[in-house]
Structure formats: structure tokens, C-alpha cells
PDB file of N, CA and C in Angstrom:
ATOM      1  N   GLU A   1      85.458  76.806-170.807  1.00  0.00           N
ATOM      2  CA  GLU A   1      84.272  76.800-169.979  1.00  0.00           C
ATOM      3  C   GLU A   1      83.461  78.076-170.162  1.00  0.00           C
ATOM      4  N   ASP A   2      84.162  79.210-170.271  1.00  0.00           N
ATOM      5  CA  ASP A   2      83.447  80.472-170.481  1.00  0.00           C
ATOM      6  C   ASP A   2      82.738  80.472-171.824  1.00  0.00           C
ATOM      7  N   MET A   3      83.420  79.927-172.851  1.00  0.00           N
ATOM      8  CA  MET A   3      82.808  79.867-174.169  1.00  0.00           C
ATOM      9  C   MET A   3      81.578  78.968-174.137  1.00  0.00           C
ATOM     10  N   LEU A   4      81.674  77.854-173.433  1.00  0.00           N
ATOM     11  CA  LEU A   4      80.543  76.926-173.329  1.00  0.00           C
ATOM     12  C   LEU A   4      79.370  77.592-172.621  1.00  0.00           C
ATOM     13  N   ARG A   5      79.647  78.273-171.521  1.00  0.00           N
ATOM     14  CA  ARG A   5      78.594  78.967-170.777  1.00  0.00           C
ATOM     15  C   ARG A   5      77.938  80.044-171.652  1.00  0.00           C
ATOM     16  N   LYS A   6      78.758  80.768-172.403  1.00  0.00           N
ATOM     17  CA  LYS A   6      78.236  81.821-173.279  1.00  0.00           C
ATOM     18  C   LYS A   6      77.333  81.232-174.362  1.00  0.00           C
ATOM     19  N   ARG A   7      77.782  80.131-174.984  1.00  0.00           N
ATOM     20  CA  ARG A   7      76.977  79.495-176.033  1.00  0.00           C
ATOM     21  C   ARG A   7      75.663  78.961-175.480  1.00  0.00           C
ATOM     22  N   LYS A   8      75.699  78.376-174.277  1.00  0.00           N
ATOM     23  CA  LYS A   8      74.469  77.877-173.653  1.00  0.00           C
ATOM     24  C   LYS A   8      73.506  79.024-173.367  1.00  0.00           C
ATOM     25  N   ASN A   9      74.036  80.132-172.876  1.00  0.00           N
ATOM     26  CA  ASN A   9      73.188  81.294-172.594  1.00  0.00           C
ATOM     27  C   ASN A   9      72.558  81.845-173.867  1.00  0.00           C
ATOM     28  N   GLU A  10      73.337  81.893-174.950  1.00  0.00           N
ATOM     29  CA  GLU A  10      72.795  82.360-176.230  1.00  0.00           C
ATOM     30  C   GLU A  10      71.673  81.441-176.711  1.00  0.00           C
ATOM     31  N   ALA A  11      71.886  80.140-176.596  1.00  0.00           N
ATOM     32  CA  ALA A  11      70.857  79.179-177.015  1.00  0.00           C
ATOM     33  C   ALA A  11      69.598  79.346-176.173  1.00  0.00           C
ATOM     34  N   TYR A  12      69.764  79.574-174.881  1.00  0.00           N
ATOM     35  CA  TYR A  12      68.609  79.743-174.002  1.00  0.00           C
ATOM     36  C   TYR A  12      67.856  81.031-174.319  1.00  0.00           C
ATOM     37  N   THR A  13      68.569  82.113-174.631  1.00  0.00           N
ATOM     38  CA  THR A  13      67.879  83.360-174.992  1.00  0.00           C
ATOM     39  C   THR A  13      67.106  83.187-176.294  1.00  0.00           C
ATOM     40  N   ARG A  14      67.662  82.420-177.240  1.00  0.00           N
ATOM     41  CA  ARG A  14      66.916  82.151-178.480  1.00  0.00           C
ATOM     42  C   ARG A  14      65.656  81.346-178.183  1.00  0.00           C
ATOM     43  N   PHE A  15      65.756  80.393-177.262  1.00  0.00           N
ATOM     44  CA  PHE A  15      64.601  79.595-176.859  1.00  0.00           C
ATOM     45  C   PHE A  15      63.529  80.489-176.232  1.00  0.00           C
ATOM     46  N   LEU A  16      63.938  81.381-175.337  1.00  0.00           N
ATOM     47  CA  LEU A  16      62.975  82.283-174.691  1.00  0.00           C
ATOM     48  C   LEU A  16      62.339  83.240-175.691  1.00  0.00           C
ATOM     49  N   SER A  17      63.123  83.726-176.647  1.00  0.00           N
ATOM     50  CA  SER A  17      62.551  84.634-177.645  1.00  0.00           C
ATOM     51  C   SER A  17      61.529  83.908-178.513  1.00  0.00           C
ATOM     52  N   ALA A  18      61.765  82.624-178.802  1.00  0.00           N
ATOM     53  CA  ALA A  18      60.784  81.837-179.567  1.00  0.00           C
ATOM     54  C   ALA A  18      59.489  81.704-178.778  1.00  0.00           C
ATOM     55  N   MET A  19      59.596  81.512-177.473  1.00  0.00           N
ATOM     56  CA  MET A  19      58.393  81.425-176.633  1.00  0.00           C
ATOM     57  C   MET A  19      57.664  82.765-176.584  1.00  0.00           C
ATOM     58  N   LYS A  20      58.414  83.861-176.480  1.00  0.00           N
ATOM     59  CA  LYS A  20      57.795  85.186-176.405  1.00  0.00           C
ATOM     60  C   LYS A  20      57.033  85.523-177.682  1.00  0.00           C
ATOM     61  N   LYS A  21      57.510  85.010-178.810  1.00  0.00           N
ATOM     62  CA  LYS A  21      56.811  85.258-180.074  1.00  0.00           C
ATOM     63  C   LYS A  21      55.464  84.533-180.113  1.00  0.00           C
ATOM     64  N   GLU A  22      55.394  83.360-179.511  1.00  0.00           N
ATOM     65  CA  GLU A  22      54.191  82.532-179.596  1.00  0.00           C
ATOM     66  C   GLU A  22      53.107  82.914-178.589  1.00  0.00           C
ATOM     67  N   ILE A  23      53.467  83.421-177.440  1.00  0.00           N
ATOM     68  CA  ILE A  23      52.479  83.713-176.389  1.00  0.00           C
ATOM     69  C   ILE A  23      51.450  84.767-176.818  1.00  0.00           C
ATOM     70  N   PRO A  24      51.853  85.892-177.446  1.00  0.00           N
ATOM     71  CA  PRO A  24      50.823  86.864-177.874  1.00  0.00           C
ATOM     72  C   PRO A  24      49.821  86.285-178.875  1.00  0.00           C
ATOM     73  N   LYS A  25      50.302  85.401-179.751  1.00  0.00           N
ATOM     74  CA  LYS A  25      49.395  84.761-180.708  1.00  0.00           C
ATOM     75  C   LYS A  25      48.333  83.946-179.963  1.00  0.00           C
ATOM     76  N   LEU A  26      48.772  83.293-178.920  1.00  0.00           N
ATOM     77  CA  LEU A  26      47.864  82.478-178.117  1.00  0.00           C
ATOM     78  C   LEU A  26      46.784  83.343-177.457  1.00  0.00           C
ATOM     79  N   TRP A  27      47.176  84.479-176.914  1.00  0.00           N
ATOM     80  CA  TRP A  27      46.204  85.361-176.253  1.00  0.00           C
ATOM     81  C   TRP A  27      45.221  85.977-177.245  1.00  0.00           C
ATOM     82  N   LYS A  28      45.717  86.317-178.436  1.00  0.00           N
ATOM     83  CA  LYS A  28      44.820  86.869-179.463  1.00  0.00           C
ATOM     84  C   LYS A  28      43.779  85.831-179.874  1.00  0.00           C
ATOM     85  N   ALA A  29      44.216  84.595-180.046  1.00  0.00           N
ATOM     86  CA  ALA A  29      43.300  83.526-180.450  1.00  0.00           C
ATOM     87  C   ALA A  29      42.286  83.232-179.349  1.00  0.00           C
ATOM     88  N   ARG A  30      42.652  83.437-178.110  1.00  0.00           N
ATOM     89  CA  ARG A  30      41.750  83.188-176.984  1.00  0.00           C
ATOM     90  C   ARG A  30      40.524  84.099-177.051  1.00  0.00           C
ATOM     91  N   ARG A  31      40.740  85.322-177.492  1.00  0.00           N
ATOM     92  CA  ARG A  31      39.628  86.280-177.606  1.00  0.00           C
ATOM     93  C   ARG A  31      38.658  85.893-178.724  1.00  0.00           C
ATOM     94  N   LYS A  32      39.174  85.218-179.760  1.00  0.00           N
ATOM     95  CA  LYS A  32      38.333  84.875-180.912  1.00  0.00           C
ATOM     96  C   LYS A  32      37.389  83.708-180.622  1.00  0.00           C
ATOM     97  N   GLY A  33      37.774  82.827-179.742  1.00  0.00           N
ATOM     98  CA  GLY A  33      36.906  81.693-179.426  1.00  0.00           C
ATOM     99  C   GLY A  33      37.717  80.451-179.104  1.00  0.00           C
ATOM    100  N   PHE A  34      36.977  79.436-178.642  1.00  0.00           N
ATOM    101  CA  PHE A  34      37.645  78.223-178.179  1.00  0.00           C
ATOM    102  C   PHE A  34      38.371  77.488-179.298  1.00  0.00           C
ATOM    103  N   ARG A  35      37.733  77.398-180.476  1.00  0.00           N
ATOM    104  CA  ARG A  35      38.342  76.670-181.587  1.00  0.00           C
ATOM    105  C   ARG A  35      39.648  77.316-182.041  1.00  0.00           C
ATOM    106  N   GLU A  36      39.597  78.639-182.197  1.00  0.00           N
ATOM    107  CA  GLU A  36      40.805  79.370-182.598  1.00  0.00           C
ATOM    108  C   GLU A  36      41.897  79.228-181.530  1.00  0.00           C
ATOM    109  N   PHE A  37      41.465  79.274-180.277  1.00  0.00           N
ATOM    110  CA  PHE A  37      42.417  79.129-179.171  1.00  0.00           C
ATOM    111  C   PHE A  37      43.067  77.746-179.196  1.00  0.00           C
ATOM    112  N   LEU A  38      42.256  76.718-179.463  1.00  0.00           N
ATOM    113  CA  LEU A  38      42.777  75.357-179.516  1.00  0.00           C
ATOM    114  C   LEU A  38      43.795  75.198-180.646  1.00  0.00           C
ATOM    115  N   LYS A  39      43.481  75.754-181.821  1.00  0.00           N
ATOM    116  CA  LYS A  39      44.423  75.699-182.950  1.00  0.00           C
ATOM    117  C   LYS A  39      45.729  76.416-182.599  1.00  0.00           C
ATOM    118  N   ALA A  40      45.572  77.607-182.021  1.00  0.00           N
ATOM    119  CA  ALA A  40      46.759  78.382-181.644  1.00  0.00           C
ATOM    120  C   ALA A  40      47.564  77.657-180.565  1.00  0.00           C
ATOM    121  N   TYR A  41      46.859  77.007-179.636  1.00  0.00           N
ATOM    122  CA  TYR A  41      47.541  76.275-178.565  1.00  0.00           C
ATOM    123  C   TYR A  41      48.355  75.114-179.131  1.00  0.00           C
ATOM    124  N   LEU A  42      47.782  74.389-180.091  1.00  0.00           N
ATOM    125  CA  LEU A  42      48.510  73.282-180.715  1.00  0.00           C
ATOM    126  C   LEU A  42      49.739  73.788-181.476  1.00  0.00           C
ATOM    127  N   LYS A  43      49.580  74.920-182.163  1.00  0.00           N
ATOM    128  CA  LYS A  43      50.729  75.523-182.856  1.00  0.00           C
ATOM    129  C   LYS A  43      51.797  75.958-181.851  1.00  0.00           C
ATOM    130  N   TYR A  44      51.317  76.513-180.736  1.00  0.00           N
ATOM    131  CA  TYR A  44      52.226  76.962-179.674  1.00  0.00           C
ATOM    132  C   TYR A  44      53.021  75.784-179.117  1.00  0.00           C
ATOM    133  N   LYS A  45      52.329  74.675-178.836  1.00  0.00           N
ATOM    134  CA  LYS A  45      53.001  73.483-178.310  1.00  0.00           C
ATOM    135  C   LYS A  45      54.044  72.957-179.302  1.00  0.00           C
ATOM    136  N   LYS A  46      53.670  72.964-180.586  1.00  0.00           N
ATOM    137  CA  LYS A  46      54.595  72.493-181.617  1.00  0.00           C
ATOM    138  C   LYS A  46      55.825  73.400-181.696  1.00  0.00           C
ATOM    139  N   ALA A  47      55.592  74.711-181.656  1.00  0.00           N
ATOM    140  CA  ALA A  47      56.703  75.664-181.715  1.00  0.00           C
ATOM    141  C   ALA A  47      57.628  75.508-180.508  1.00  0.00           C
ATOM    142  N   ILE A  48      57.043  75.298-179.343  1.00  0.00           N
ATOM    143  CA  ILE A  48      57.843  75.110-178.126  1.00  0.00           C
ATOM    144  C   ILE A  48      58.655  73.818-178.214  1.00  0.00           C
ATOM    145  N   ARG A  49      58.033  72.762-178.722  1.00  0.00           N
ATOM    146  CA  ARG A  49      58.730  71.487-178.883  1.00  0.00           C
ATOM    147  C   ARG A  49      59.940  71.645-179.811  1.00  0.00           C
ATOM    148  N   GLU A  50      59.722  72.350-180.938  1.00  0.00           N
ATOM    149  CA  GLU A  50      60.817  72.582-181.883  1.00  0.00           C
ATOM    150  C   GLU A  50      61.906  73.452-181.259  1.00  0.00           C
ATOM    151  N   ALA A  51      61.492  74.465-180.500  1.00  0.00           N
ATOM    152  CA  ALA A  51      62.471  75.342-179.846  1.00  0.00           C
ATOM    153  C   ALA A  51      63.297  74.562-178.824  1.00  0.00           C
ATOM    154  N   LYS A  52      62.648  73.643-178.094  1.00  0.00           N
ATOM    155  CA  LYS A  52      63.380  72.810-177.124  1.00  0.00           C
ATOM    156  C   LYS A  52      64.395  71.919-177.833  1.00  0.00           C
ATOM    157  N   LYS A  53      63.966  71.300-178.952  1.00  0.00           N
ATOM    158  CA  LYS A  53      64.875  70.446-179.710  1.00  0.00           C
ATOM    159  C   LYS A  53      66.077  71.247-180.197  1.00  0.00           C
ATOM    160  N   LYS A  54      65.782  72.429-180.729  1.00  0.00           N
ATOM    161  CA  LYS A  54      66.853  73.283-181.243  1.00  0.00           C
ATOM    162  C   LYS A  54      67.806  73.679-180.121  1.00  0.00           C
ATOM    163  N   TYR A  55      67.243  74.012-178.961  1.00  0.00           N
ATOM    164  CA  TYR A  55      68.068  74.388-177.804  1.00  0.00           C
ATOM    165  C   TYR A  55      68.974  73.232-177.388  1.00  0.00           C
ATOM    166  N   LYS A  56      68.395  72.027-177.313  1.00  0.00           N
ATOM    167  CA  LYS A  56      69.187  70.862-176.903  1.00  0.00           C
ATOM    168  C   LYS A  56      70.307  70.561-177.895  1.00  0.00           C
ATOM    169  N   THR A  57      69.999  70.660-179.197  1.00  0.00           N
ATOM    170  CA  THR A  57      71.044  70.394-180.197  1.00  0.00           C
ATOM    171  C   THR A  57      72.143  71.451-180.132  1.00  0.00           C
ATOM    172  N   GLU A  58      71.768  72.711-179.922  1.00  0.00           N
ATOM    173  CA  GLU A  58      72.778  73.767-179.811  1.00  0.00           C
ATOM    174  C   GLU A  58      73.669  73.546-178.595  1.00  0.00           C
ATOM    175  N   VAL A  59      73.074  73.119-177.492  1.00  0.00           N
ATOM    176  CA  VAL A  59      73.863  72.855-176.277  1.00  0.00           C
ATOM    177  C   VAL A  59      74.811  71.680-176.514  1.00  0.00           C
ATOM    178  N   LYS A  60      74.316  70.621-177.163  1.00  0.00           N
ATOM    179  CA  LYS A  60      75.174  69.463-177.449  1.00  0.00           C
ATOM    180  C   LYS A  60      76.336  69.851-178.355  1.00  0.00           C
ATOM    181  N   GLU A  61      76.045  70.662-179.388  1.00  0.00           N
ATOM    182  CA  GLU A  61      77.108  71.107-180.287  1.00  0.00           C
ATOM    183  C   GLU A  61      78.137  71.944-179.540  1.00  0.00           C
ATOM    184  N   ALA A  62      77.663  72.813-178.659  1.00  0.00           N
ATOM    185  CA  ALA A  62      78.581  73.648-177.874  1.00  0.00           C
ATOM    186  C   ALA A  62      79.459  72.784-176.975  1.00  0.00           C
ATOM    187  N   GLU A  63      78.860  71.755-176.357  1.00  0.00           N
ATOM    188  CA  GLU A  63      79.639  70.862-175.495  1.00  0.00           C
ATOM    189  C   GLU A  63      80.668  70.073-176.296  1.00  0.00           C
ATOM    190  N   LYS A  64      80.275  69.608-177.499  1.00  0.00           N
ATOM    191  CA  LYS A  64      81.221  68.885-178.350  1.00  0.00           C
ATOM    192  C   LYS A  64      82.386  69.785-178.741  1.00  0.00           C
ATOM    193  N   GLU A  65      82.059  71.031-179.115  1.00  0.00           N
ATOM    194  CA  GLU A  65      83.110  71.968-179.508  1.00  0.00           C
ATOM    195  C   GLU A  65      84.032  72.280-178.333  1.00  0.00           C
ATOM    196  N   ALA A  66      83.456  72.411-177.146  1.00  0.00           N
ATOM    197  CA  ALA A  66      84.273  72.673-175.951  1.00  0.00           C
ATOM    198  C   ALA A  66      85.213  71.499-175.678  1.00  0.00           C
ATOM    199  N   LEU A  67      84.713  70.273-175.854  1.00  0.00           N
ATOM    200  CA  LEU A  67      85.570  69.100-175.662  1.00  0.00           C
ATOM    201  C   LEU A  67      86.699  69.058-176.686  1.00  0.00           C
ATOM    202  N   LYS A  68      86.368  69.414-177.944  1.00  0.00           N
ATOM    203  CA  LYS A  68      87.402  69.446-178.979  1.00  0.00           C
ATOM    204  C   LYS A  68      88.477  70.462-178.630  1.00  0.00           C
ATOM    205  N   ILE A  69      88.044  71.652-178.201  1.00  0.00           N
ATOM    206  CA  ILE A  69      89.002  72.704-177.844  1.00  0.00           C
ATOM    207  C   ILE A  69      89.846  72.262-176.659  1.00  0.00           C
ATOM    208  N   LYS A  70      89.196  71.650-175.669  1.00  0.00           N
ATOM    209  CA  LYS A  70      89.915  71.165-174.488  1.00  0.00           C
ATOM    210  C   LYS A  70      90.962  70.130-174.895  1.00  0.00           C
ATOM    211  N   LYS A  71      90.560  69.215-175.787  1.00  0.00           N
ATOM    212  CA  LYS A  71      91.471  68.175-176.247  1.00  0.00           C
ATOM    213  C   LYS A  71      92.634  68.783-177.020  1.00  0.00           C
ATOM    214  N   ARG A  72      92.316  69.763-177.914  1.00  0.00           N
ATOM    215  CA  ARG A  72      93.366  70.420-178.691  1.00  0.00           C
ATOM    216  C   ARG A  72      94.356  71.142-177.792  1.00  0.00           C
ATOM    217  N   THR A  73      93.845  71.864-176.796  1.00  0.00           N
ATOM    218  CA  THR A  73      94.745  72.593-175.901  1.00  0.00           C
ATOM    219  C   THR A  73      95.586  71.625-175.081  1.00  0.00           C
ATOM    220  N   LYS A  74      94.984  70.526-174.658  1.00  0.00           N
ATOM    221  CA  LYS A  74      95.736  69.525-173.893  1.00  0.00           C
ATOM    222  C   LYS A  74      96.858  68.941-174.748  1.00  0.00           C
ATOM    223  N   GLU A  75      96.540  68.618-176.014  1.00  0.00           N
ATOM    224  CA  GLU A  75      97.557  68.087-176.919  1.00  0.00           C
ATOM    225  C   GLU A  75      98.644  69.121-177.184  1.00  0.00           C
ATOM    226  N   ALA A  76      98.239  70.380-177.362  1.00  0.00           N
ATOM    227  CA  ALA A  76      99.214  71.441-177.610  1.00  0.00           C
ATOM    228  C   ALA A  76     100.142  71.613-176.414  1.00  0.00           C
ATOM    229  N   ILE A  77      99.581  71.538-175.223  1.00  0.00           N
ATOM    230  CA  ILE A  77     100.402  71.675-174.012  1.00  0.00           C
ATOM    231  C   ILE A  77     101.380  70.505-173.897  1.00  0.00           C
ATOM    232  N   THR A  78     100.899  69.286-174.148  1.00  0.00           N
ATOM    233  CA  THR A  78     101.806  68.132-174.050  1.00  0.00           C
ATOM    234  C   THR A  78     102.897  68.210-175.106  1.00  0.00           C
ATOM    235  N   ASN A  79     102.545  68.654-176.317  1.00  0.00           N
ATOM    236  CA  ASN A  79     103.560  68.807-177.364  1.00  0.00           C
ATOM    237  C   ASN A  79     104.575  69.870-176.981  1.00  0.00           C
ATOM    238  N   LEU A  80     104.093  70.956-176.409  1.00  0.00           N
ATOM    239  CA  LEU A  80     104.985  72.028-175.974  1.00  0.00           C
ATOM    240  C   LEU A  80     105.915  71.532-174.876  1.00  0.00           C
ATOM    241  N   VAL A  81     105.356  70.780-173.939  1.00  0.00           N
ATOM    242  CA  VAL A  81     106.176  70.232-172.849  1.00  0.00           C
ATOM    243  C   VAL A  81     107.226  69.284-173.409  1.00  0.00           C
ATOM    244  N   ARG A  82     106.824  68.434-174.348  1.00  0.00           N
ATOM    245  CA  ARG A  82     107.780  67.493-174.946  1.00  0.00           C
ATOM    246  C   ARG A  82     108.898  68.223-175.672  1.00  0.00           C
ATOM    247  N   SER A  83     108.536  69.259-176.429  1.00  0.00           N
ATOM    248  CA  SER A  83     109.551  69.964-177.211  1.00  0.00           C
ATOM    249  C   SER A  83     110.471  70.797-176.327  1.00  0.00           C
ATOM    250  N   THR A  84     109.923  71.423-175.288  1.00  0.00           N
ATOM    251  CA  THR A  84     110.757  72.286-174.444  1.00  0.00           C
ATOM    252  C   THR A  84     111.487  71.498-173.371  1.00  0.00           C
ATOM    253  N   ARG A  85     110.976  70.337-173.028  1.00  0.00           N
ATOM    254  CA  ARG A  85     111.563  69.553-171.945  1.00  0.00           C
ATOM    255  C   ARG A  85     113.015  69.202-172.251  1.00  0.00           C
ATOM    256  N   GLU A  86     113.290  68.845-173.501  1.00  0.00           N
ATOM    257  CA  GLU A  86     114.631  68.401-173.850  1.00  0.00           C
ATOM    258  C   GLU A  86     115.644  69.532-173.831  1.00  0.00           C
ATOM    259  N   PHE A  87     115.180  70.772-173.961  1.00  0.00           N
ATOM    260  CA  PHE A  87     116.100  71.908-173.947  1.00  0.00           C
ATOM    261  C   PHE A  87     116.053  72.666-172.629  1.00  0.00           C
ATOM    262  N   ASN A  88     115.284  72.171-171.703  1.00  0.00           N
ATOM    263  CA  ASN A  88     115.207  72.798-170.389  1.00  0.00           C
ATOM    264  C   ASN A  88     116.442  72.392-169.577  1.00  0.00           C
ATOM    265  N   PRO A  89     117.187  73.371-169.045  1.00  0.00           N
ATOM    266  CA  PRO A  89     118.421  73.039-168.311  1.00  0.00           C
ATOM    267  C   PRO A  89     118.208  72.076-167.149  1.00  0.00           C
ATOM    268  N   LEU A  90     117.105  72.218-166.423  1.00  0.00           N
ATOM    269  CA  LEU A  90     116.857  71.308-165.300  1.00  0.00           C
ATOM    270  C   LEU A  90     116.672  69.883-165.779  1.00  0.00           C
ATOM    271  N   PHE A  91     115.964  69.747-166.887  1.00  0.00           N
ATOM    272  CA  PHE A  91     115.765  68.412-167.446  1.00  0.00           C
ATOM    273  C   PHE A  91     117.091  67.828-167.898  1.00  0.00           C
ATOM    274  N   LEU A  92     117.928  68.672-168.511  1.00  0.00           N
ATOM    275  CA  LEU A  92     119.232  68.202-168.961  1.00  0.00           C
ATOM    276  C   LEU A  92     120.098  67.764-167.784  1.00  0.00           C
ATOM    277  N   ILE A  93     120.028  68.518-166.687  1.00  0.00           N
ATOM    278  CA  ILE A  93     120.804  68.155-165.498  1.00  0.00           C
ATOM    279  C   ILE A  93     120.352  66.800-164.970  1.00  0.00           C
ATOM    280  N   LEU A  94     119.047  66.641-164.826  1.00  0.00           N
ATOM    281  CA  LEU A  94     118.531  65.369-164.313  1.00  0.00           C
ATOM    282  C   LEU A  94     118.883  64.215-165.239  1.00  0.00           C
ATOM    283  N   LYS A  95     118.750  64.469-166.530  1.00  0.00           N
ATOM    284  CA  LYS A  95     119.024  63.411-167.484  1.00  0.00           C
ATOM    285  C   LYS A  95     120.515  63.088-167.516  1.00  0.00           C
ATOM    286  N   SER A  96     121.342  64.116-167.383  1.00  0.00           N
ATOM    287  CA  SER A  96     122.782  63.898-167.470  1.00  0.00           C
ATOM    288  C   SER A  96     123.297  63.064-166.311  1.00  0.00           C
ATOM    289  N   LYS A  97     122.663  63.183-165.151  1.00  0.00           N
ATOM    290  CA  LYS A  97     123.094  62.390-164.004  1.00  0.00           C
ATOM    291  C   LYS A  97     122.889  60.903-164.263  1.00  0.00           C
ATOM    292  N   TYR A  98     121.909  60.590-165.094  1.00  0.00           N
ATOM    293  CA  TYR A  98     121.597  59.184-165.350  1.00  0.00           C
ATOM    294  C   TYR A  98     122.149  58.687-166.680  1.00  0.00           C
ATOM    295  N   THR A  99     122.653  59.566-167.518  1.00  0.00           N
ATOM    296  CA  THR A  99     123.120  59.114-168.834  1.00  0.00           C
ATOM    297  C   THR A  99     124.529  59.621-169.109  1.00  0.00           C
ATOM    298  N   GLN A 100     125.459  59.226-168.337  1.00  0.00           N
ATOM    299  CA  GLN A 100     126.886  59.448-168.561  1.00  0.00           C
ATOM    300  C   GLN A 100     127.251  60.912-168.791  1.00  0.00           C
ATOM    301  N   ARG A 101     126.420  61.816-168.357  1.00  0.00           N
ATOM    302  CA  ARG A 101     126.684  63.256-168.407  1.00  0.00           C
ATOM    303  C   ARG A 101     126.920  63.803-169.810  1.00  0.00           C
ATOM    304  N   LYS A 102     126.404  63.136-170.808  1.00  0.00           N
ATOM    305  CA  LYS A 102     126.550  63.640-172.174  1.00  0.00           C
ATOM    306  C   LYS A 102     125.192  63.534-172.865  1.00  0.00           C
ATOM    307  N   ILE A 103     124.594  64.696-173.160  1.00  0.00           N
ATOM    308  CA  ILE A 103     123.275  64.675-173.807  1.00  0.00           C
ATOM    309  C   ILE A 103     123.164  65.833-174.781  1.00  0.00           C
ATOM    310  N   LEU A 104     122.631  65.561-175.927  1.00  0.00           N
ATOM    311  CA  LEU A 104     122.220  66.595-176.878  1.00  0.00           C
ATOM    312  C   LEU A 104     123.264  67.696-177.060  1.00  0.00           C
ATOM    313  N   GLY A 105     124.496  67.327-177.057  1.00  0.00           N
ATOM    314  CA  GLY A 105     125.540  68.327-177.253  1.00  0.00           C
ATOM    315  C   GLY A 105     125.860  69.127-176.012  1.00  0.00           C
ATOM    316  N   TYR A 106     125.374  68.711-174.845  1.00  0.00           N
ATOM    317  CA  TYR A 106     125.661  69.407-173.597  1.00  0.00           C
ATOM    318  C   TYR A 106     126.314  68.436-172.634  1.00  0.00           C
ATOM    319  N   LYS A 107     127.082  68.959-171.701  1.00  0.00           N
ATOM    320  CA  LYS A 107     127.549  68.116-170.605  1.00  0.00           C
ATOM    321  C   LYS A 107     127.388  68.884-169.302  1.00  0.00           C
ATOM    322  N   TYR A 108     127.183  68.149-168.255  1.00  0.00           N
ATOM    323  CA  TYR A 108     126.952  68.758-166.951  1.00  0.00           C
ATOM    324  C   TYR A 108     128.209  68.613-166.117  1.00  0.00           C
ATOM    325  N   ASN A 109     128.678  69.734-165.617  1.00  0.00           N
ATOM    326  CA  ASN A 109     129.860  69.725-164.769  1.00  0.00           C
ATOM    327  C   ASN A 109     129.397  69.806-163.323  1.00  0.00           C
ATOM    328  N   PRO A 110     129.474  68.692-162.576  1.00  0.00           N
ATOM    329  CA  PRO A 110     128.948  68.709-161.209  1.00  0.00           C
ATOM    330  C   PRO A 110     129.723  69.617-160.262  1.00  0.00           C
ATOM    331  N   GLU A 111     131.044  69.835-160.516  1.00  0.00           N
ATOM    332  CA  GLU A 111     131.811  70.707-159.626  1.00  0.00           C
ATOM    333  C   GLU A 111     131.369  72.160-159.762  1.00  0.00           C
ATOM    334  N   LYS A 112     131.167  72.586-161.006  1.00  0.00           N
ATOM    335  CA  LYS A 112     130.768  73.976-161.239  1.00  0.00           C
ATOM    336  C   LYS A 112     129.250  74.157-161.140  1.00  0.00           C
ATOM    337  N   GLY A 113     128.516  73.064-161.301  1.00  0.00           N
ATOM    338  CA  GLY A 113     127.060  73.140-161.252  1.00  0.00           C
ATOM    339  C   GLY A 113     126.475  73.821-162.465  1.00  0.00           C
ATOM    340  N   LYS A 114     127.167  73.681-163.593  1.00  0.00           N
ATOM    341  CA  LYS A 114     126.702  74.353-164.809  1.00  0.00           C
ATOM    342  C   LYS A 114     126.548  73.344-165.939  1.00  0.00           C
ATOM    343  N   ILE A 115     125.743  73.746-166.903  1.00  0.00           N
ATOM    344  CA  ILE A 115     125.625  72.973-168.130  1.00  0.00           C
ATOM    345  C   ILE A 115     126.545  73.636-169.143  1.00  0.00           C
ATOM    346  N   ILE A 116     127.467  72.873-169.681  1.00  0.00           N
ATOM    347  CA  ILE A 116     128.443  73.425-170.612  1.00  0.00           C
ATOM    348  C   ILE A 116     128.154  72.856-171.992  1.00  0.00           C
ATOM    349  N   PRO A 117     128.024  73.720-172.998  1.00  0.00           N
ATOM    350  CA  PRO A 117     127.846  73.188-174.352  1.00  0.00           C
ATOM    351  C   PRO A 117     129.119  72.473-174.803  1.00  0.00           C
ATOM    352  N   ARG A 118     128.950  71.305-175.377  1.00  0.00           N
ATOM    353  CA  ARG A 118     130.102  70.557-175.873  1.00  0.00           C
ATOM    354  C   ARG A 118     130.435  71.036-177.262  1.00  0.00           C
ATOM    355  N   LEU A 119     131.646  71.416-177.468  1.00  0.00           N
ATOM    356  CA  LEU A 119     132.084  71.812-178.806  1.00  0.00           C
ATOM    357  C   LEU A 119     132.665  70.585-179.489  1.00  0.00           C
ATOM    358  N   LYS A 120     132.154  70.289-180.673  1.00  0.00           N
ATOM    359  CA  LYS A 120     132.613  69.085-181.372  1.00  0.00           C
ATOM    360  C   LYS A 120     133.695  69.425-182.356  1.00  0.00           C
TER     361      LYS A 120
END
């Protein structure tokens, strides 16, 4: 989320800088006359339109990347949980109560309350 917010802010600052570049041109053309002002105004509108499009595409790309990262982290967490779950003593205890107390080379001794490695 922080990365997404940062990318959106960067895109917005680029959009504002594009507008700041065009406004002085517009004021200079205004002094020259109506025709020059009209030409500059049309260029200004076009530049703003392009800057808006660019801003929107950058925001969409940032959102897509954030979703990819979110999905990757979610998958990594589930994989980590799956891999560690089987070696977690609590999981082994719970599983052993339901599966004849023999799992993955371990056995659970209910009297001692311990997980004992089975030596084969």
C-alpha cells in the first residue's frame, strides 16, 4: 500500500510539473494577441490531455503491480504455512490425536505431553 501511494504521488507530481511547464507559455502568448493565445491554449489543452492520460496509465500500472505483489506475498505466506505446518509441534500433536499417534517419524506421548522422535 505504501508503494502504491508513493507511485501515485510520483505520477501526480509529474502531472503537475507538466501543467506548470505549459502555463507560462499560455501567458506569454496572451500578450502577443488573441490568435497566438488561441494557438497556445489549444496546445495547452492537448498537453494537459496527454498528461492526464499518462497519469491514469501510470496509476493503473502501479495498481496492477501492487496486486501482483500482494498476490505473490499471499502465495508465499500460504506456501510457508504449508511447509512449516507439518513440522510445527502443535500441528503434530493435533494430527497425532487423529491419526494413530504416528506421523512423519514422530509420536505423541499423551502421558508425558511430549513429541518423541521415533527411531527406526
